[in-house]
Protein backbone atom coordinates (compact mmCIF):
# COMPACT_ATOMS: atom_id res chain seq x y z
CA UNK A 1 -33.03 11.60 -9.01
CA UNK A 2 -33.93 9.88 -5.62
CA UNK A 3 -36.83 8.34 -4.73
CA UNK A 4 -39.26 10.69 -2.58
CA UNK A 5 -41.82 9.73 -0.17
CA UNK A 6 -43.41 13.21 0.24
CA UNK A 7 -44.83 15.78 -2.00
CA UNK A 8 -44.30 18.41 0.03
CA UNK A 9 -42.67 21.62 -1.43
CA UNK A 10 -39.06 22.66 -0.78
CA UNK A 11 -38.48 26.24 -0.85
CA UNK A 12 -36.43 27.18 -3.95
CA UNK A 13 -32.97 29.06 -3.44
CA UNK A 14 -32.52 32.37 -5.36
CA UNK A 15 -29.35 31.27 -6.55
CA UNK A 16 -30.89 28.05 -7.73
CA UNK A 17 -29.24 27.88 -11.24
CA UNK A 18 -25.78 28.94 -9.62
CA UNK A 19 -25.84 26.22 -7.12
CA UNK A 20 -26.73 23.15 -9.34
CA UNK A 21 -23.60 24.59 -11.54
CA UNK A 22 -21.21 24.32 -8.87
CA UNK A 23 -22.57 20.81 -7.94
CA UNK A 24 -21.97 19.49 -11.30
CA UNK A 25 -18.62 21.09 -11.83
CA UNK A 26 -17.54 19.49 -8.55
CA UNK A 27 -19.30 16.12 -8.95
CA UNK A 28 -18.83 16.13 -12.68
CA UNK A 29 -16.11 12.88 -12.89
CA UNK A 30 -17.97 10.94 -10.08
CA UNK A 31 -21.19 11.23 -11.88
CA UNK A 32 -20.08 10.31 -15.35
CA UNK A 33 -18.33 7.36 -14.06
CA UNK A 34 -21.15 6.13 -11.67
CA UNK A 35 -24.31 7.82 -13.48
CA UNK A 36 -23.95 8.17 -16.97
CA UNK A 37 -22.76 5.07 -17.90
CA UNK A 38 -22.14 3.63 -21.89
CA UNK A 39 -24.71 0.75 -20.91
CA UNK A 40 -27.20 2.57 -19.53
CA UNK A 41 -30.09 0.58 -21.22
CA UNK A 42 -32.82 3.13 -21.33
CA UNK A 43 -30.63 5.97 -22.56
CA UNK A 44 -29.46 3.85 -25.63
CA UNK A 45 -32.88 2.28 -26.43
CA UNK A 46 -34.76 5.43 -26.41
CA UNK A 47 -31.87 7.04 -28.63
CA UNK A 48 -32.31 4.18 -30.98
CA UNK A 49 -35.88 5.20 -31.42
CA UNK A 50 -34.89 8.76 -32.14
CA UNK A 51 -32.41 7.93 -34.62
CA UNK A 52 -34.99 5.27 -36.18
CA UNK A 53 -37.52 8.40 -36.71
CA UNK A 54 -34.89 10.42 -37.88
CA UNK A 55 -33.81 7.87 -40.59
CA UNK A 56 -37.50 7.66 -41.30
CA UNK A 57 -37.71 11.14 -42.43
CA UNK A 58 -35.23 10.60 -45.40
CA UNK A 59 -32.98 13.50 -44.45
CA UNK A 60 -29.16 13.33 -45.44
CA UNK A 61 -27.97 16.20 -42.76
CA UNK A 62 -29.74 17.26 -39.42
CA UNK A 63 -29.06 19.20 -36.70
CA UNK A 64 -29.85 18.33 -33.07
CA UNK A 65 -29.73 20.06 -29.78
CA UNK A 66 -28.94 18.09 -26.69
CA UNK A 67 -29.92 20.02 -23.27
CA UNK A 68 -27.91 18.76 -20.64
CA UNK A 69 -24.99 17.00 -22.83
CA UNK A 70 -22.80 16.43 -19.77
CA UNK A 71 -19.42 14.97 -20.63
CA UNK A 72 -20.52 14.01 -24.36
CA UNK A 73 -21.01 9.88 -23.67
CA UNK A 74 -23.24 8.04 -24.84
CA UNK A 75 -25.59 10.34 -26.14
CA UNK A 76 -23.59 12.89 -28.05
CA UNK A 77 -21.07 10.81 -29.22
CA UNK A 78 -24.06 8.05 -30.85
CA UNK A 79 -25.40 11.00 -32.20
CA UNK A 80 -22.28 12.41 -33.98
CA UNK A 81 -21.51 9.09 -35.21
CA UNK A 82 -24.59 8.29 -36.95
CA UNK A 83 -24.14 8.25 -40.68
CA UNK A 84 -27.97 8.42 -41.83
CA UNK A 85 -28.53 11.23 -41.37
CA UNK A 86 -25.53 12.97 -40.96
CA UNK A 87 -26.11 14.89 -37.42
CA UNK A 88 -24.69 17.93 -36.23
CA UNK A 89 -25.07 18.55 -32.32
CA UNK A 90 -25.27 21.66 -30.29
CA UNK A 91 -24.47 20.68 -26.87
CA UNK A 92 -25.74 22.73 -23.94
CA UNK A 93 -24.69 22.14 -20.41
CA UNK A 94 -24.83 24.31 -17.28
CA UNK A 95 -21.77 22.96 -15.82
CA UNK A 96 -18.60 24.45 -17.55
CA UNK A 97 -16.63 21.55 -16.08
CA UNK A 98 -19.03 19.06 -18.23
CA UNK A 99 -18.78 20.91 -21.34
CA UNK A 100 -14.97 20.79 -21.00
CA UNK A 101 -14.86 16.91 -20.34
CA UNK A 102 -17.22 16.73 -23.36
CA UNK A 103 -14.90 18.76 -25.73
CA UNK A 104 -11.82 16.34 -24.65
CA UNK A 105 -14.00 13.33 -25.27
CA UNK A 106 -15.31 14.49 -28.43
CA UNK A 107 -12.43 16.11 -30.08
CA UNK A 108 -12.76 13.40 -33.13
CA UNK A 109 -15.69 14.98 -33.82
CA UNK A 110 -15.22 18.67 -33.44
CA UNK A 111 -16.24 19.69 -36.91
CA UNK A 112 -19.62 18.47 -35.95
CA UNK A 113 -20.32 19.76 -32.58
CA UNK A 114 -20.93 22.96 -30.83
CA UNK A 115 -20.89 23.72 -27.11
CA UNK A 116 -22.82 26.51 -25.63
CA UNK A 117 -22.42 26.58 -21.57
CA UNK A 118 -25.50 27.88 -19.32
CA UNK A 119 -28.75 28.01 -18.70
CA UNK A 120 -30.67 25.82 -21.05
CA UNK A 121 -33.84 28.64 -20.22
CA UNK A 122 -31.29 31.41 -21.67
CA UNK A 123 -30.96 29.63 -25.08
CA UNK A 124 -32.47 31.00 -28.27
CA UNK A 125 -32.72 29.92 -31.50
CA UNK A 126 -34.90 31.05 -35.01
CA UNK A 127 -38.18 28.97 -35.37
CA UNK A 128 -38.16 25.87 -37.20
CA UNK A 129 -34.07 25.48 -37.50
CA UNK A 130 -33.70 22.16 -35.25
CA UNK A 131 -34.24 18.87 -36.58
CA UNK A 132 -34.46 17.05 -33.01
CA UNK A 133 -34.04 18.17 -29.50
CA UNK A 134 -33.18 15.89 -26.87
CA UNK A 135 -33.40 16.62 -23.07
CA UNK A 136 -32.18 13.20 -20.94
CA UNK A 137 -32.00 13.45 -17.04
CA UNK A 138 -31.67 17.75 -17.62
CA UNK A 139 -35.33 19.28 -17.54
CA UNK A 140 -36.23 17.64 -14.55
CA UNK A 141 -33.49 20.10 -13.04
CA UNK A 142 -35.66 22.94 -14.13
CA UNK A 143 -38.75 24.27 -11.79
CA UNK A 144 -42.00 23.11 -13.06
CA UNK A 145 -42.84 26.38 -14.96
CA UNK A 146 -39.88 26.52 -16.58
CA UNK A 147 -40.35 23.01 -17.99
CA UNK A 148 -43.53 24.30 -19.22
CA UNK A 149 -42.04 27.19 -20.78
CA UNK A 150 -39.26 25.03 -22.23
CA UNK A 151 -41.50 22.69 -24.14
CA UNK A 152 -43.35 25.30 -25.79
CA UNK A 153 -40.23 27.02 -26.52
CA UNK A 154 -38.90 23.72 -28.03
CA UNK A 155 -41.58 23.50 -30.12
CA UNK A 156 -41.37 26.62 -31.50
CA UNK A 157 -37.45 25.59 -32.41
CA UNK A 158 -38.28 22.42 -34.43
CA UNK A 159 -39.01 22.32 -37.97
CA UNK A 160 -42.39 20.93 -38.98
CA UNK A 161 -41.98 17.09 -38.51
CA UNK A 162 -38.92 17.54 -35.96
CA UNK A 163 -38.69 15.10 -32.91
CA UNK A 164 -38.48 15.68 -28.82
CA UNK A 165 -36.92 13.08 -26.49
CA UNK A 166 -36.91 13.71 -22.81
CA UNK A 167 -37.84 12.23 -19.84
CA UNK A 168 -39.71 13.80 -16.95
CA UNK A 169 -40.70 12.73 -12.89
CA UNK A 170 -43.71 10.49 -13.30
CA UNK A 171 -44.07 11.63 -9.81
CA UNK A 172 -45.84 15.01 -8.92
CA UNK A 173 -42.66 16.65 -7.11
CA UNK A 174 -43.50 20.55 -6.61
CA UNK A 175 -39.62 20.65 -5.95
CA UNK A 176 -37.06 18.07 -4.09
CA UNK A 177 -33.28 18.81 -3.04
CA UNK A 178 -30.77 16.63 -1.81
CA UNK A 179 -28.09 17.94 0.12
CA UNK A 180 -25.33 15.28 -0.61
CA UNK A 181 -26.63 13.62 -4.16
CA UNK A 182 -24.78 10.41 -5.09
CA UNK A 183 -22.94 10.37 -1.58
CA UNK A 184 -21.08 13.24 -2.62
CA UNK A 185 -20.44 16.09 0.09
CA UNK A 186 -20.71 18.80 -2.90
CA UNK A 187 -23.55 16.85 -4.47
CA UNK A 188 -26.43 19.81 -3.59
CA UNK A 189 -29.09 18.65 -6.60
CA UNK A 190 -32.52 19.80 -7.14
CA UNK A 191 -35.54 18.42 -9.00
CA UNK A 192 -39.17 18.90 -9.72
CA UNK A 193 -41.70 17.76 -11.74
CA UNK A 194 -45.60 18.07 -12.85
CA UNK A 195 -45.96 14.11 -12.69
CA UNK A 196 -47.02 11.40 -15.39
CA UNK A 197 -50.33 12.76 -16.59
CA UNK A 198 -49.73 16.74 -16.66
CA UNK A 199 -46.14 16.53 -18.24
CA UNK A 200 -47.61 14.73 -21.11
CA UNK A 201 -50.10 16.87 -21.36
CA UNK A 202 -48.09 19.90 -21.39
CA UNK A 203 -46.13 18.05 -24.22
CA UNK A 204 -49.11 17.47 -26.15
CA UNK A 205 -50.35 20.97 -25.48
CA UNK A 206 -47.36 22.50 -26.73
CA UNK A 207 -48.59 20.51 -29.94
CA UNK A 208 -46.61 17.51 -30.22
CA UNK A 209 -47.95 14.23 -31.46
CA UNK A 210 -46.72 11.66 -28.66
CA UNK A 211 -45.01 8.51 -30.63
CA UNK A 212 -44.06 7.14 -27.21
CA UNK A 213 -45.23 7.73 -24.01
CA UNK A 214 -44.03 4.92 -21.09
CA UNK A 215 -43.17 5.01 -17.46
CA UNK A 216 -39.49 3.26 -16.82
CA UNK A 217 -37.22 3.00 -13.94
CA UNK A 218 -33.80 3.72 -14.60
CA UNK A 219 -31.04 1.59 -12.65
CA UNK A 220 -31.01 2.49 -8.96
CA UNK A 221 -33.01 5.59 -9.85
CA UNK A 222 -36.26 7.05 -9.71
CA UNK A 223 -39.39 6.06 -12.12
CA UNK A 224 -39.48 8.41 -14.75
CA UNK A 225 -41.81 9.43 -17.65
CA UNK A 226 -40.27 8.80 -21.15
CA UNK A 227 -41.55 10.67 -24.11
CA UNK A 228 -40.96 10.80 -27.68
CA UNK A 229 -42.81 13.38 -29.68
CA UNK A 230 -43.16 14.71 -33.18
CA UNK A 231 -44.21 18.20 -34.04
CA UNK A 232 -47.36 17.94 -36.13
CA UNK A 233 -47.03 19.37 -39.45
């Protein structure tokens, strides 16, 4: 997400999700090489905290929903390699190109991962069936009202004690569009956010206990609010 100097809202296109899909389909290889780096310090650090909390629950097996799995590395691969607990991943991404890349990258783990391509707002799961939900650099692509609704749905999907790891815009952004994100001619991109205080409040009001809440700036990117929450028993 690019830095922004203005909070002035930008009108949302009616075909927002289709445009996002087309962009990620077009720029997926460049995005994976330039943005989703295996040595992404913040991503790996927060993923480690999630796994540590999962281990403390004492479960031998767990199911994790990853929203915006991209090409499957590093996040999905780390989850699948974990042994304590053994994790089954449901990988969701809007981009069909990213799903195909992830299937190739994660072929050795095919028995532990299921992919579902499409808008995360169209996902449905029974209540209290997931052990964790992770959304890194993905929920920020939803309009703000949808972010609020999704957090509430995630709370319902999680088992008691389930974990939620995500990042949100630390700045209040009604809507922001970049026509050529990552210097890509086909890199049309959209973001939004409630800002630090309200995003944290949205998560808490859904029913989560905040285990971690901190602002961190990703390399060559914006400042994000990182949250790790637990569904209170």
